[in-house]
Protein backbone atom coordinates (compact mmCIF):
# COMPACT_ATOMS: atom_id res chain seq x y z
CA MET A 1 -0.06 -0.05 -0.01
CA LYS A 2 2.73 2.51 0.83
CA ILE A 3 4.49 1.63 -2.36
CA ALA A 4 1.54 2.64 -4.63
CA HIS A 5 1.27 6.03 -2.38
CA ILE A 6 4.82 6.66 -3.09
CA ALA A 7 4.63 5.78 -6.79
CA ALA A 8 1.73 8.22 -6.97
CA LEU A 9 3.45 10.90 -5.32
CA ILE A 10 6.47 10.45 -7.59
CA GLY A 11 4.19 10.22 -10.62
CA GLY A 12 2.32 13.49 -9.59
CA LEU A 13 5.54 15.47 -9.12
CA LEU A 14 7.00 14.15 -12.67
CA ALA A 15 3.80 15.25 -14.27
CA THR A 16 4.34 18.72 -13.02
CA GLY A 17 7.35 19.42 -14.60
CA PRO A 18 10.32 21.68 -13.87
CA ALA A 19 9.02 25.05 -11.96
CA SER A 20 9.85 28.06 -14.03
CA ALA A 21 10.93 30.81 -11.72
CA GLU A 22 12.22 34.27 -12.74
CA THR A 23 15.77 35.13 -11.84
CA LEU A 24 15.98 38.83 -10.32
CA ILE A 25 19.43 40.40 -10.32
CA ARG A 26 19.37 43.58 -8.19
CA ILE A 27 22.04 46.17 -8.58
CA GLY A 28 22.37 48.75 -5.56
CA TYR A 29 24.58 51.90 -5.80
CA PRO A 30 25.22 54.64 -3.21
CA GLY A 31 24.52 57.78 -5.07
CA THR A 32 22.14 59.64 -7.19
CA GLY A 33 22.44 62.30 -10.01
CA ILE A 34 21.60 65.78 -10.40
CA ASP A 35 18.02 66.45 -9.24
CA ASP A 36 17.85 63.14 -7.63
CA ARG A 37 17.83 61.21 -11.28
CA PRO A 38 18.55 57.56 -10.80
CA TYR A 39 21.90 57.84 -12.36
CA ALA A 40 25.35 57.47 -11.06
CA TYR A 41 27.96 60.35 -11.12
CA GLY A 42 29.72 59.19 -14.16
CA ASP A 43 31.89 56.08 -13.55
CA TYR A 44 31.56 52.75 -14.62
CA VAL A 45 28.17 52.22 -13.09
CA ALA A 46 26.73 55.09 -14.98
CA VAL A 47 28.22 53.72 -18.19
CA ALA A 48 26.78 50.17 -17.38
CA ASN A 49 23.29 51.57 -16.49
CA VAL A 50 22.95 54.10 -19.35
CA GLN A 51 24.36 51.81 -22.05
CA LYS A 52 22.22 48.82 -20.78
CA LEU A 53 25.31 46.70 -20.47
CA VAL A 54 24.27 44.29 -17.78
CA GLU A 55 20.89 43.96 -19.49
CA ASP A 56 22.57 43.20 -22.82
CA GLU A 57 24.58 40.61 -21.30
CA PHE A 58 21.79 38.62 -19.83
CA LYS A 59 19.26 39.17 -22.84
CA ASP A 60 19.89 35.58 -24.13
CA VAL A 61 19.09 34.11 -20.75
CA PRO A 62 15.55 33.36 -20.25
CA ASP A 63 13.34 34.75 -17.26
CA THR A 64 15.93 37.19 -16.19
CA LYS A 65 15.23 40.58 -14.85
CA ILE A 66 17.67 43.31 -13.95
CA THR A 67 16.66 46.26 -11.46
CA TRP A 68 18.78 49.04 -10.64
CA THR A 69 18.31 51.16 -7.38
CA PHE A 70 20.33 54.05 -6.51
CA PHE A 71 20.48 55.23 -2.68
CA ARG A 72 20.77 58.69 -1.19
CA GLY A 73 23.08 57.27 1.57
CA ALA A 74 26.30 55.41 1.40
CA GLY A 75 26.92 52.16 3.10
CA PRO A 76 24.43 52.20 5.79
CA ALA A 77 21.45 52.61 3.18
CA LEU A 78 22.69 49.62 1.28
CA ASN A 79 23.26 47.72 4.46
CA GLU A 80 19.65 48.32 5.63
CA SER A 81 18.08 47.52 2.39
CA LEU A 82 19.94 44.14 2.24
CA ALA A 83 19.01 43.48 5.87
CA ALA A 84 15.12 44.25 5.06
CA GLY A 85 15.33 42.01 2.06
CA GLN A 86 14.88 44.65 -0.33
């Protein structure tokens, strides 16, 4: 009897197929641009954001999303957002 239950459970799991979850890549940077625009000050992060270099690198990977977050504060703001799961 237990073997039938286990076989039914395994069959049900195999019938559902693999779960497809979206991969989220979050990039945080301490700094905002002029007038609180979501841009960095002109370094490599600004170039990567404006030219969408990271997005281009992952364009062939299915279910991948890139989000950019620019913080007003420096290290503490980044640490607090990581601790809060943001």
